[in-house]
């Protein structure tokens, strides 16, 4: 099966989860992330859910009330993004492709982050990520050293699949679903 066909199949499964079920799963995934946070301040790259992606708003609210720093992607072009500071919900604006982002000017390089939490269309047990096909994260991470940042994938369990990664595909260090950690 082609990656595009697999993406379509996995998005149909993800979209097929009822909003109530997704919300329950979102809360569980956020809880796992919160329980994993160390007490020392971290620079955390996350994202703002689009469509039926795992919604981490509960996790973000927790981070806002702590000493951690939160950043979210801002799409610059069809191939590039940057990570912009996100301090509260009033920072939100609609960016390229209709994706929510932060209006702050403060940005950080990916290798300056401690954690980078990423959505996906699918994942496999080896840690490989099947994204939306734009390659934003793969390109942004290709020059970062291993584990700088720790690459955390969040997804629903129905998104687990099997596929052959490309040479440029970046893998997750950790994967979290509503059922807990699959890889850590």
N, C-alpha and C. Protein backbone atom coordinates (compact mmCIF):
# COMPACT_ATOMS: atom_id res chain seq x y z
N UNK A 1 0.84 -1.18 0.00
CA UNK A 1 0.00 0.00 0.00
C UNK A 1 0.89 1.25 0.00
N UNK A 2 0.54 2.22 -0.79
CA UNK A 2 1.33 3.46 -0.84
C UNK A 2 1.16 4.23 0.47
N UNK A 3 2.11 5.13 0.74
CA UNK A 3 2.01 5.93 1.96
C UNK A 3 0.78 6.84 1.93
N UNK A 4 0.44 7.36 0.75
CA UNK A 4 -0.75 8.21 0.66
C UNK A 4 -2.02 7.42 0.96
N UNK A 5 -2.11 6.20 0.46
CA UNK A 5 -3.28 5.37 0.74
C UNK A 5 -3.32 5.00 2.22
N UNK A 6 -2.16 4.70 2.80
CA UNK A 6 -2.09 4.38 4.23
C UNK A 6 -2.50 5.58 5.07
N UNK A 7 -1.99 6.77 4.70
CA UNK A 7 -2.40 8.00 5.41
C UNK A 7 -3.91 8.16 5.38
N UNK A 8 -4.48 7.99 4.22
CA UNK A 8 -5.93 8.15 4.06
C UNK A 8 -6.69 7.16 4.95
N UNK A 9 -6.23 5.92 4.96
CA UNK A 9 -6.86 4.89 5.79
C UNK A 9 -6.75 5.24 7.28
N UNK A 10 -5.57 5.67 7.72
CA UNK A 10 -5.36 5.99 9.12
C UNK A 10 -6.13 7.25 9.54
N UNK A 11 -6.20 8.23 8.67
CA UNK A 11 -6.97 9.43 8.97
C UNK A 11 -8.46 9.12 9.08
N UNK A 12 -8.94 8.20 8.25
CA UNK A 12 -10.34 7.77 8.34
C UNK A 12 -10.60 7.11 9.69
N UNK A 13 -9.67 6.27 10.14
CA UNK A 13 -9.82 5.63 11.46
C UNK A 13 -9.81 6.68 12.57
N UNK A 14 -8.86 7.61 12.50
CA UNK A 14 -8.76 8.65 13.53
C UNK A 14 -10.00 9.54 13.52
N UNK A 15 -10.43 9.96 12.33
CA UNK A 15 -11.63 10.79 12.21
C UNK A 15 -12.88 10.06 12.69
N UNK A 16 -12.84 8.72 12.60
CA UNK A 16 -14.00 7.91 12.98
C UNK A 16 -14.21 7.78 14.48
N UNK A 17 -13.21 8.16 15.26
CA UNK A 17 -13.39 8.16 16.72
C UNK A 17 -14.36 9.28 17.08
N UNK A 18 -15.33 8.99 17.91
CA UNK A 18 -16.30 10.02 18.29
C UNK A 18 -15.59 11.14 19.04
N UNK A 19 -16.13 12.36 18.98
CA UNK A 19 -15.53 13.47 19.73
C UNK A 19 -15.40 13.15 21.23
N UNK A 20 -16.38 12.50 21.80
CA UNK A 20 -16.33 12.16 23.23
C UNK A 20 -15.19 11.18 23.52
N UNK A 21 -15.04 10.20 22.66
CA UNK A 21 -13.97 9.21 22.84
C UNK A 21 -12.59 9.88 22.68
N UNK A 22 -12.46 10.74 21.64
CA UNK A 22 -11.20 11.45 21.45
C UNK A 22 -10.87 12.31 22.66
N UNK A 23 -11.88 12.97 23.23
CA UNK A 23 -11.64 13.82 24.40
C UNK A 23 -11.15 12.98 25.58
N UNK A 24 -11.75 11.82 25.79
CA UNK A 24 -11.29 10.91 26.86
C UNK A 24 -9.84 10.51 26.61
N UNK A 25 -9.53 10.15 25.39
CA UNK A 25 -8.16 9.75 25.04
C UNK A 25 -7.19 10.93 25.18
N UNK A 26 -7.61 12.12 24.75
CA UNK A 26 -6.77 13.31 24.88
C UNK A 26 -6.39 13.55 26.34
N UNK A 27 -7.36 13.39 27.23
CA UNK A 27 -7.12 13.60 28.66
C UNK A 27 -6.11 12.58 29.18
N UNK A 28 -6.25 11.33 28.75
CA UNK A 28 -5.30 10.29 29.19
C UNK A 28 -3.89 10.58 28.70
N UNK A 29 -3.76 10.95 27.43
CA UNK A 29 -2.44 11.23 26.86
C UNK A 29 -1.82 12.43 27.57
N UNK A 30 -2.61 13.48 27.80
CA UNK A 30 -2.10 14.64 28.53
C UNK A 30 -1.65 14.24 29.93
N UNK A 31 -2.41 13.37 30.58
CA UNK A 31 -2.06 12.91 31.93
C UNK A 31 -0.71 12.18 31.92
N UNK A 32 -0.48 11.34 30.93
CA UNK A 32 0.82 10.64 30.84
C UNK A 32 1.96 11.63 30.66
N UNK A 33 1.75 12.65 29.84
CA UNK A 33 2.78 13.66 29.64
C UNK A 33 3.03 14.44 30.93
N UNK A 34 1.97 14.85 31.60
CA UNK A 34 2.10 15.61 32.85
C UNK A 34 2.84 14.80 33.90
N UNK A 35 2.51 13.52 34.02
CA UNK A 35 3.17 12.66 35.01
C UNK A 35 4.65 12.46 34.70
N UNK A 36 5.04 12.66 33.47
CA UNK A 36 6.42 12.45 33.05
C UNK A 36 7.27 13.71 33.19
N UNK A 37 6.63 14.86 33.29
CA UNK A 37 7.37 16.12 33.40
C UNK A 37 8.28 16.13 34.62
N UNK A 38 9.54 16.46 34.44
CA UNK A 38 10.42 16.61 35.60
C UNK A 38 10.13 17.94 36.32
N UNK A 39 10.68 18.09 37.50
CA UNK A 39 10.48 19.35 38.22
C UNK A 39 11.35 20.47 37.66
N UNK A 40 12.49 20.12 37.10
CA UNK A 40 13.36 21.16 36.51
C UNK A 40 12.69 21.71 35.25
N UNK A 41 12.85 23.01 34.99
CA UNK A 41 12.21 23.63 33.82
C UNK A 41 12.71 23.03 32.51
N UNK A 42 11.77 22.81 31.60
CA UNK A 42 12.09 22.31 30.27
C UNK A 42 11.63 23.31 29.22
N UNK A 43 12.30 23.28 28.07
CA UNK A 43 11.81 23.97 26.88
C UNK A 43 11.10 22.90 26.06
N UNK A 44 9.79 23.06 25.94
CA UNK A 44 8.95 22.03 25.32
C UNK A 44 8.36 22.56 24.02
N UNK A 45 8.65 21.86 22.95
CA UNK A 45 7.98 22.13 21.69
C UNK A 45 6.76 21.22 21.62
N UNK A 46 5.63 21.79 21.32
CA UNK A 46 4.41 21.00 21.18
C UNK A 46 3.73 21.45 19.90
N UNK A 47 2.44 21.26 19.79
CA UNK A 47 1.70 21.68 18.61
C UNK A 47 0.27 21.96 19.04
N UNK A 48 -0.47 22.61 18.19
CA UNK A 48 -1.89 22.90 18.43
C UNK A 48 -2.69 22.02 17.48
N UNK A 49 -3.56 21.20 18.05
CA UNK A 49 -4.28 20.19 17.27
C UNK A 49 -5.04 20.81 16.09
N UNK A 50 -5.00 20.08 15.00
CA UNK A 50 -5.72 20.44 13.79
C UNK A 50 -6.59 19.25 13.42
N UNK A 51 -7.86 19.48 13.18
CA UNK A 51 -8.76 18.39 12.83
C UNK A 51 -8.88 17.41 13.99
N UNK A 52 -8.68 16.14 13.70
CA UNK A 52 -8.86 15.10 14.71
C UNK A 52 -7.55 14.67 15.38
N UNK A 53 -6.50 15.50 15.26
CA UNK A 53 -5.24 15.18 15.94
C UNK A 53 -5.44 15.15 17.45
N UNK A 54 -4.55 14.45 18.14
CA UNK A 54 -4.57 14.45 19.60
C UNK A 54 -4.49 15.89 20.08
N UNK A 55 -5.43 16.28 20.92
CA UNK A 55 -5.50 17.65 21.43
C UNK A 55 -4.84 17.69 22.80
N UNK A 56 -3.78 18.48 22.93
CA UNK A 56 -3.00 18.54 24.16
C UNK A 56 -3.28 19.80 24.98
N UNK A 57 -4.45 20.41 24.80
CA UNK A 57 -4.75 21.63 25.54
C UNK A 57 -4.64 21.45 27.05
N UNK A 58 -5.05 20.31 27.58
CA UNK A 58 -4.93 20.07 29.03
C UNK A 58 -3.46 20.07 29.44
N UNK A 59 -2.62 19.43 28.66
CA UNK A 59 -1.19 19.44 28.93
C UNK A 59 -0.64 20.87 28.87
N UNK A 60 -1.03 21.62 27.84
CA UNK A 60 -0.55 22.99 27.69
C UNK A 60 -0.96 23.85 28.89
N UNK A 61 -2.19 23.71 29.35
CA UNK A 61 -2.64 24.48 30.52
C UNK A 61 -1.78 24.16 31.74
N UNK A 62 -1.41 22.91 31.89
CA UNK A 62 -0.55 22.51 33.00
C UNK A 62 0.83 23.17 32.86
N UNK A 63 1.37 23.15 31.66
CA UNK A 63 2.69 23.75 31.42
C UNK A 63 2.66 25.26 31.69
N UNK A 64 1.56 25.93 31.29
CA UNK A 64 1.44 27.37 31.53
C UNK A 64 1.56 27.69 33.02
N UNK A 65 1.08 26.80 33.88
CA UNK A 65 1.07 27.07 35.32
C UNK A 65 2.36 26.64 36.00
N UNK A 66 3.34 26.21 35.25
CA UNK A 66 4.62 25.77 35.80
C UNK A 66 5.76 26.63 35.25
N UNK A 67 6.98 26.23 35.52
CA UNK A 67 8.14 27.01 35.08
C UNK A 67 8.66 26.59 33.71
N UNK A 68 8.00 25.65 33.08
CA UNK A 68 8.42 25.20 31.76
C UNK A 68 8.10 26.25 30.70
N UNK A 69 8.85 26.20 29.60
CA UNK A 69 8.62 27.09 28.47
C UNK A 69 7.99 26.27 27.35
N UNK A 70 6.94 26.79 26.74
CA UNK A 70 6.22 26.09 25.69
C UNK A 70 6.35 26.84 24.37
N UNK A 71 6.60 26.09 23.30
CA UNK A 71 6.69 26.65 21.96
C UNK A 71 5.87 25.79 21.00
N UNK A 72 5.32 26.41 19.97
CA UNK A 72 4.50 25.69 18.99
C UNK A 72 4.96 26.05 17.58
N UNK A 73 4.69 25.17 16.61
CA UNK A 73 5.13 25.45 15.24
C UNK A 73 4.42 26.65 14.61
N UNK A 74 5.19 27.37 13.81
CA UNK A 74 4.63 28.40 12.95
C UNK A 74 5.14 28.06 11.55
N UNK A 75 4.23 27.79 10.64
CA UNK A 75 4.59 27.42 9.28
C UNK A 75 5.03 28.68 8.53
N UNK A 76 6.22 28.62 7.94
CA UNK A 76 6.77 29.77 7.21
C UNK A 76 6.57 29.65 5.71
N UNK A 77 6.64 28.42 5.20
CA UNK A 77 6.48 28.18 3.77
C UNK A 77 5.99 26.75 3.59
N UNK A 78 5.95 26.29 2.36
CA UNK A 78 5.51 24.91 2.10
C UNK A 78 6.49 23.88 2.65
N UNK A 79 7.69 24.31 3.03
CA UNK A 79 8.71 23.35 3.48
C UNK A 79 9.35 23.69 4.81
N UNK A 80 9.07 24.86 5.38
CA UNK A 80 9.78 25.24 6.60
C UNK A 80 8.82 25.72 7.69
N UNK A 81 9.30 25.56 8.93
CA UNK A 81 8.56 26.03 10.09
C UNK A 81 9.55 26.52 11.13
N UNK A 82 9.05 27.25 12.11
CA UNK A 82 9.85 27.64 13.26
C UNK A 82 9.01 27.38 14.50
N UNK A 83 9.66 27.38 15.65
CA UNK A 83 8.96 27.16 16.91
C UNK A 83 8.84 28.49 17.64
N UNK A 84 7.58 28.93 17.87
CA UNK A 84 7.30 30.22 18.48
C UNK A 84 6.80 30.05 19.90
N UNK A 85 7.19 30.98 20.78
CA UNK A 85 6.78 30.95 22.18
C UNK A 85 5.26 31.00 22.28
N UNK A 86 4.73 30.22 23.20
CA UNK A 86 3.28 30.14 23.44
C UNK A 86 3.08 30.16 24.95
N UNK A 87 2.53 31.26 25.47
CA UNK A 87 2.44 31.44 26.91
C UNK A 87 1.03 31.39 27.47
N UNK A 88 0.04 31.63 26.62
CA UNK A 88 -1.35 31.58 27.05
C UNK A 88 -2.24 31.51 25.82
N UNK A 89 -3.50 31.12 26.03
CA UNK A 89 -4.41 30.94 24.91
C UNK A 89 -4.63 32.21 24.10
N UNK A 90 -4.50 33.37 24.73
CA UNK A 90 -4.70 34.63 24.00
C UNK A 90 -3.58 34.91 23.01
N UNK A 91 -2.53 34.10 23.02
CA UNK A 91 -1.42 34.24 22.06
C UNK A 91 -1.78 33.68 20.69
N UNK A 92 -2.89 32.97 20.59
CA UNK A 92 -3.20 32.23 19.36
C UNK A 92 -3.67 33.11 18.21
N UNK A 93 -3.18 32.75 17.03
CA UNK A 93 -3.63 33.33 15.76
C UNK A 93 -3.74 32.18 14.76
N UNK A 94 -4.44 32.42 13.68
CA UNK A 94 -4.54 31.43 12.60
C UNK A 94 -3.41 31.72 11.62
N UNK A 95 -2.57 30.71 11.40
CA UNK A 95 -1.43 30.84 10.50
C UNK A 95 -1.70 30.20 9.16
N UNK A 96 -0.61 29.92 8.45
CA UNK A 96 -0.70 29.28 7.13
C UNK A 96 -1.49 27.97 7.21
N UNK A 97 -2.17 27.68 6.13
CA UNK A 97 -2.96 26.46 5.98
C UNK A 97 -4.06 26.34 7.04
N UNK A 98 -4.41 27.46 7.69
CA UNK A 98 -5.47 27.44 8.69
C UNK A 98 -5.08 26.81 10.01
N UNK A 99 -3.77 26.66 10.24
CA UNK A 99 -3.27 26.01 11.46
C UNK A 99 -3.02 27.07 12.53
N UNK A 100 -3.56 26.82 13.73
CA UNK A 100 -3.34 27.75 14.84
C UNK A 100 -1.85 27.78 15.21
N UNK A 101 -1.40 28.97 15.60
CA UNK A 101 -0.02 29.15 16.02
C UNK A 101 0.04 30.31 17.01
N UNK A 102 1.23 30.67 17.42
CA UNK A 102 1.42 31.76 18.37
C UNK A 102 1.80 33.04 17.63
N UNK A 103 1.35 34.16 18.16
CA UNK A 103 1.69 35.46 17.57
C UNK A 103 3.01 36.02 18.08
N UNK A 104 3.64 35.34 19.06
CA UNK A 104 4.89 35.84 19.65
C UNK A 104 6.04 35.84 18.64
N UNK A 105 6.92 36.83 18.79
CA UNK A 105 8.10 36.93 17.94
C UNK A 105 9.23 36.02 18.42
N UNK A 106 9.23 35.68 19.72
CA UNK A 106 10.30 34.84 20.28
C UNK A 106 10.22 33.44 19.68
N UNK A 107 11.35 32.98 19.13
CA UNK A 107 11.42 31.65 18.53
C UNK A 107 12.63 30.90 19.09
N UNK A 108 12.66 29.59 18.88
CA UNK A 108 13.79 28.77 19.33
C UNK A 108 14.11 27.74 18.25
N UNK A 109 15.36 27.39 18.15
CA UNK A 109 15.79 26.31 17.26
C UNK A 109 15.36 24.98 17.88
N UNK A 110 15.08 24.00 17.04
CA UNK A 110 14.64 22.70 17.57
C UNK A 110 15.67 22.06 18.48
N UNK A 111 16.96 22.19 18.16
CA UNK A 111 17.96 21.54 18.99
C UNK A 111 18.16 22.23 20.34
N UNK A 112 17.49 23.37 20.55
CA UNK A 112 17.51 24.05 21.85
C UNK A 112 16.36 23.60 22.75
N UNK A 113 15.48 22.74 22.21
CA UNK A 113 14.35 22.22 22.98
C UNK A 113 14.78 20.97 23.75
N UNK A 114 14.12 20.74 24.88
CA UNK A 114 14.33 19.49 25.62
C UNK A 114 13.41 18.40 25.10
N UNK A 115 12.16 18.76 24.86
CA UNK A 115 11.16 17.84 24.32
C UNK A 115 10.57 18.44 23.06
N UNK A 116 10.21 17.58 22.11
CA UNK A 116 9.42 17.99 20.95
C UNK A 116 8.29 16.98 20.80
N UNK A 117 7.08 17.44 21.05
CA UNK A 117 5.89 16.58 20.97
C UNK A 117 5.27 16.79 19.60
N UNK A 118 5.05 15.67 18.86
CA UNK A 118 4.59 15.76 17.48
C UNK A 118 3.35 14.90 17.25
N UNK A 119 2.44 15.40 16.41
CA UNK A 119 1.31 14.58 15.98
C UNK A 119 1.75 13.68 14.83
N UNK A 120 0.88 12.80 14.41
CA UNK A 120 1.19 11.96 13.26
C UNK A 120 -0.10 11.37 12.68
N UNK A 121 0.02 10.86 11.47
CA UNK A 121 -1.07 10.07 10.88
C UNK A 121 -0.97 8.64 11.38
N UNK A 122 0.27 8.18 11.54
CA UNK A 122 0.50 6.81 11.98
C UNK A 122 1.89 6.65 12.54
N UNK A 123 2.11 5.53 13.18
CA UNK A 123 3.41 5.21 13.77
C UNK A 123 3.56 3.71 13.79
N UNK A 124 4.81 3.25 13.92
CA UNK A 124 5.04 1.82 14.10
C UNK A 124 5.83 1.58 15.38
N UNK A 125 5.91 0.35 15.78
CA UNK A 125 6.56 -0.01 17.05
C UNK A 125 8.05 0.31 17.07
N UNK A 126 8.66 0.45 15.89
CA UNK A 126 10.08 0.81 15.84
C UNK A 126 10.29 2.28 16.14
N UNK A 127 9.19 3.04 16.18
CA UNK A 127 9.29 4.46 16.48
C UNK A 127 9.16 5.36 15.28
N UNK A 128 8.94 4.80 14.10
CA UNK A 128 8.83 5.64 12.92
C UNK A 128 7.48 6.31 12.84
N UNK A 129 7.51 7.53 12.31
CA UNK A 129 6.35 8.41 12.22
C UNK A 129 5.91 8.53 10.78
N UNK A 130 4.62 8.40 10.57
CA UNK A 130 4.03 8.69 9.27
C UNK A 130 3.28 10.01 9.44
N UNK A 131 3.84 11.07 8.88
CA UNK A 131 3.24 12.40 9.00
C UNK A 131 2.23 12.65 7.91
N UNK A 132 1.91 13.91 7.72
CA UNK A 132 0.92 14.30 6.72
C UNK A 132 1.51 14.35 5.31
N UNK A 133 2.83 14.18 5.21
CA UNK A 133 3.45 14.13 3.90
C UNK A 133 4.19 15.40 3.51
N UNK A 134 4.11 16.44 4.34
CA UNK A 134 4.78 17.70 4.02
C UNK A 134 6.25 17.71 4.40
N UNK A 135 6.65 16.84 5.31
CA UNK A 135 8.06 16.74 5.70
C UNK A 135 8.56 17.85 6.60
N UNK A 136 7.66 18.64 7.19
CA UNK A 136 8.09 19.76 8.04
C UNK A 136 9.00 19.29 9.18
N UNK A 137 8.53 18.31 9.93
CA UNK A 137 9.31 17.84 11.08
C UNK A 137 10.58 17.13 10.64
N UNK A 138 10.50 16.31 9.59
CA UNK A 138 11.69 15.60 9.12
C UNK A 138 12.79 16.59 8.73
N UNK A 139 12.43 17.62 7.97
CA UNK A 139 13.43 18.62 7.55
C UNK A 139 13.96 19.40 8.75
N UNK A 140 13.06 19.77 9.66
CA UNK A 140 13.47 20.57 10.82
C UNK A 140 14.41 19.78 11.74
N UNK A 141 14.24 18.46 11.79
CA UNK A 141 15.03 17.63 12.71
C UNK A 141 16.28 17.03 12.09
N UNK A 142 16.43 17.10 10.78
CA UNK A 142 17.51 16.36 10.12
C UNK A 142 18.91 16.77 10.58
N UNK A 143 19.08 17.96 11.09
CA UNK A 143 20.42 18.39 11.54
C UNK A 143 20.55 18.43 13.05
N UNK A 144 19.53 17.95 13.75
CA UNK A 144 19.59 17.90 15.22
C UNK A 144 20.28 16.61 15.66
N UNK A 145 21.08 16.69 16.72
CA UNK A 145 21.67 15.46 17.25
C UNK A 145 20.59 14.55 17.83
N UNK A 146 20.92 13.27 17.94
CA UNK A 146 19.99 12.30 18.52
C UNK A 146 19.61 12.74 19.93
N UNK A 147 18.32 12.65 20.25
CA UNK A 147 17.77 12.98 21.56
C UNK A 147 17.90 14.48 21.89
N UNK A 148 18.15 15.32 20.92
CA UNK A 148 18.18 16.76 21.15
C UNK A 148 17.29 17.40 20.09
N UNK A 149 16.04 17.52 20.35
CA UNK A 149 15.31 17.22 21.57
C UNK A 149 14.85 15.76 21.62
N UNK A 150 14.30 15.36 22.78
CA UNK A 150 13.61 14.07 22.86
C UNK A 150 12.36 14.20 22.00
N UNK A 151 12.18 13.29 21.07
CA UNK A 151 11.09 13.34 20.08
C UNK A 151 9.95 12.45 20.56
N UNK A 152 8.84 13.08 20.89
CA UNK A 152 7.71 12.38 21.50
C UNK A 152 6.54 12.39 20.53
N UNK A 153 6.08 11.22 20.16
CA UNK A 153 4.91 11.10 19.31
C UNK A 153 3.68 10.84 20.15
N UNK A 154 2.61 11.53 19.83
CA UNK A 154 1.33 11.27 20.48
C UNK A 154 0.32 10.90 19.40
N UNK A 155 -0.43 9.86 19.68
CA UNK A 155 -1.41 9.36 18.71
C UNK A 155 -2.42 8.48 19.44
N UNK A 156 -3.48 8.16 18.76
CA UNK A 156 -4.44 7.20 19.28
C UNK A 156 -3.97 5.80 18.87
N UNK A 157 -4.31 4.81 19.66
CA UNK A 157 -3.85 3.44 19.41
C UNK A 157 -4.26 2.95 18.02
N UNK A 158 -5.40 3.41 17.49
CA UNK A 158 -5.84 2.97 16.16
C UNK A 158 -4.91 3.42 15.06
N UNK A 159 -3.98 4.32 15.37
CA UNK A 159 -3.05 4.83 14.37
C UNK A 159 -1.78 3.99 14.24
N UNK A 160 -1.67 2.94 15.04
CA UNK A 160 -0.49 2.07 14.91
C UNK A 160 -0.61 1.28 13.62
N UNK A 161 0.49 1.18 12.89
CA UNK A 161 0.49 0.52 11.60
C UNK A 161 1.88 -0.04 11.31
N UNK A 162 2.06 -0.54 10.10
CA UNK A 162 3.36 -1.00 9.64
C UNK A 162 3.63 -0.35 8.29
N UNK A 163 4.84 0.14 8.12
CA UNK A 163 5.23 0.74 6.85
C UNK A 163 6.75 0.78 6.81
N UNK A 164 7.29 0.96 5.62
CA UNK A 164 8.74 1.08 5.46
C UNK A 164 9.11 2.55 5.44
N UNK A 165 9.95 2.98 6.38
CA UNK A 165 10.35 4.39 6.41
C UNK A 165 11.30 4.71 5.26
N UNK A 166 11.31 5.98 4.90
CA UNK A 166 12.26 6.48 3.90
C UNK A 166 13.55 6.84 4.64
N UNK A 167 14.64 7.01 3.91
CA UNK A 167 15.93 7.35 4.51
C UNK A 167 15.88 8.62 5.35
N UNK A 168 15.06 9.58 4.94
CA UNK A 168 15.00 10.87 5.61
C UNK A 168 14.01 10.90 6.78
N UNK A 169 13.22 9.85 6.97
CA UNK A 169 12.22 9.84 8.03
C UNK A 169 12.87 9.87 9.41
N UNK A 170 12.40 10.78 10.24
CA UNK A 170 12.88 10.90 11.61
C UNK A 170 11.98 10.06 12.52
N UNK A 171 12.58 9.35 13.44
CA UNK A 171 11.79 8.49 14.32
C UNK A 171 11.52 9.18 15.66
N UNK A 172 10.53 8.66 16.37
CA UNK A 172 10.21 9.11 17.71
C UNK A 172 11.13 8.41 18.71
N UNK A 173 11.47 9.09 19.79
CA UNK A 173 12.14 8.45 20.92
C UNK A 173 11.10 7.82 21.84
N UNK A 174 9.98 8.51 22.01
CA UNK A 174 8.87 8.03 22.83
C UNK A 174 7.59 8.07 21.98
N UNK A 175 6.68 7.15 22.26
CA UNK A 175 5.34 7.19 21.66
C UNK A 175 4.34 6.98 22.79
N UNK A 176 3.33 7.85 22.83
CA UNK A 176 2.30 7.77 23.85
C UNK A 176 0.93 7.71 23.18
N UNK A 177 0.12 6.74 23.58
CA UNK A 177 -1.27 6.67 23.16
C UNK A 177 -2.13 6.71 24.43
N UNK A 178 -3.43 6.61 24.24
CA UNK A 178 -4.34 6.57 25.38
C UNK A 178 -4.08 5.37 26.28
N UNK A 179 -3.36 4.37 25.78
CA UNK A 179 -3.06 3.17 26.56
C UNK A 179 -1.73 3.27 27.29
N UNK A 180 -1.02 4.37 27.14
CA UNK A 180 0.26 4.56 27.82
C UNK A 180 1.41 4.64 26.84
N UNK A 181 2.61 4.46 27.38
CA UNK A 181 3.82 4.52 26.58
C UNK A 181 3.99 3.24 25.78
N UNK A 182 4.25 3.37 24.50
CA UNK A 182 4.58 2.22 23.65
C UNK A 182 6.09 2.13 23.53
N UNK A 183 6.71 3.26 23.57
CA UNK A 183 8.17 3.31 23.40
C UNK A 183 8.70 4.41 24.31
N UNK A 184 9.72 4.09 25.08
CA UNK A 184 10.32 5.10 25.96
C UNK A 184 11.71 4.65 26.37
